[in-house]
Amino acid sequence: MGIDNPLPDSWGIGKLGVIGKARWPRWDEERFNELLVRFDVPAKAYSSLSRGQKSAVGFILP
């Protein structure tokens, strides 16, 4: 994942959490939210995130 593998423009951070939960059986929503705060990723559309924030999302998602 990461900025070289962009997600659909309309997907927000909340949708990524829903997809993560459906995709990975051991998904930890609390940890996901903790990392969003730690990496300062706002709850908005993926397309409107900065390059650094998109990179952080790549680290947060398995």
Protein backbone atom coordinates (compact mmCIF):
# COMPACT_ATOMS: atom_id res chain seq x y z
CA MET A 1 0.00 0.00 0.00
CA GLY A 2 1.06 3.63 0.17
CA ILE A 3 0.86 6.62 -2.09
CA ASP A 4 2.05 4.64 -5.12
CA ASN A 5 -1.03 2.41 -4.80
CA PRO A 6 -3.79 4.99 -4.39
CA LEU A 7 -7.17 4.17 -2.98
CA PRO A 8 -10.42 5.35 -4.57
CA ASP A 9 -10.75 9.12 -4.17
CA SER A 10 -14.09 8.92 -2.41
CA TRP A 11 -12.93 6.52 0.31
CA GLY A 12 -12.60 8.13 3.69
CA ILE A 13 -10.61 6.98 6.69
CA GLY A 14 -13.77 5.52 8.23
CA LYS A 15 -14.33 3.33 5.18
CA LEU A 16 -10.75 2.09 5.41
CA GLY A 17 -11.48 0.98 8.97
CA VAL A 18 -14.61 -0.87 7.85
CA ILE A 19 -12.70 -2.57 5.04
CA GLY A 20 -9.84 -3.47 7.37
CA LYS A 21 -12.26 -5.07 9.81
CA ALA A 22 -13.90 -7.10 7.02
CA ARG A 23 -10.59 -8.07 5.40
CA TRP A 24 -8.38 -9.06 8.34
CA PRO A 25 -9.78 -11.43 10.98
CA ARG A 26 -7.46 -10.07 13.68
CA TRP A 27 -8.24 -6.41 12.94
CA ASP A 28 -7.82 -4.19 15.99
CA GLU A 29 -10.04 -1.16 15.56
CA GLU A 30 -8.76 0.45 18.75
CA ARG A 31 -5.17 0.22 17.51
CA PHE A 32 -6.22 1.55 14.09
CA ASN A 33 -7.77 4.63 15.71
CA GLU A 34 -4.79 5.07 18.02
CA LEU A 35 -2.41 5.11 15.06
CA LEU A 36 -4.58 7.58 13.15
CA VAL A 37 -4.21 9.97 16.08
CA ARG A 38 -0.50 9.28 16.53
CA PHE A 39 0.24 9.91 12.83
CA ASP A 40 -2.18 12.89 12.74
CA VAL A 41 -4.34 11.47 9.94
CA PRO A 42 -7.61 13.43 9.73
CA ALA A 43 -10.96 11.73 9.13
CA LYS A 44 -11.50 12.86 5.56
CA ALA A 45 -11.33 11.49 2.02
CA TYR A 46 -8.11 9.71 1.09
CA SER A 47 -7.74 11.95 -1.98
CA SER A 48 -7.57 15.07 0.19
CA LEU A 49 -4.78 13.78 2.45
CA SER A 50 -1.25 15.09 2.08
CA ARG A 51 1.48 12.82 0.73
CA GLY A 52 2.77 12.31 4.26
CA GLN A 53 -0.67 11.41 5.57
CA LYS A 54 -1.18 8.95 2.71
CA SER A 55 2.16 7.42 3.56
CA ALA A 56 1.09 7.10 7.20
CA VAL A 57 -2.09 5.30 6.10
CA GLY A 58 0.17 2.83 4.29
CA PHE A 59 1.90 2.08 7.60
CA ILE A 60 -1.35 1.85 9.55
CA LEU A 61 -3.05 -0.66 7.26
CA PRO A 62 -1.50 -4.14 7.31
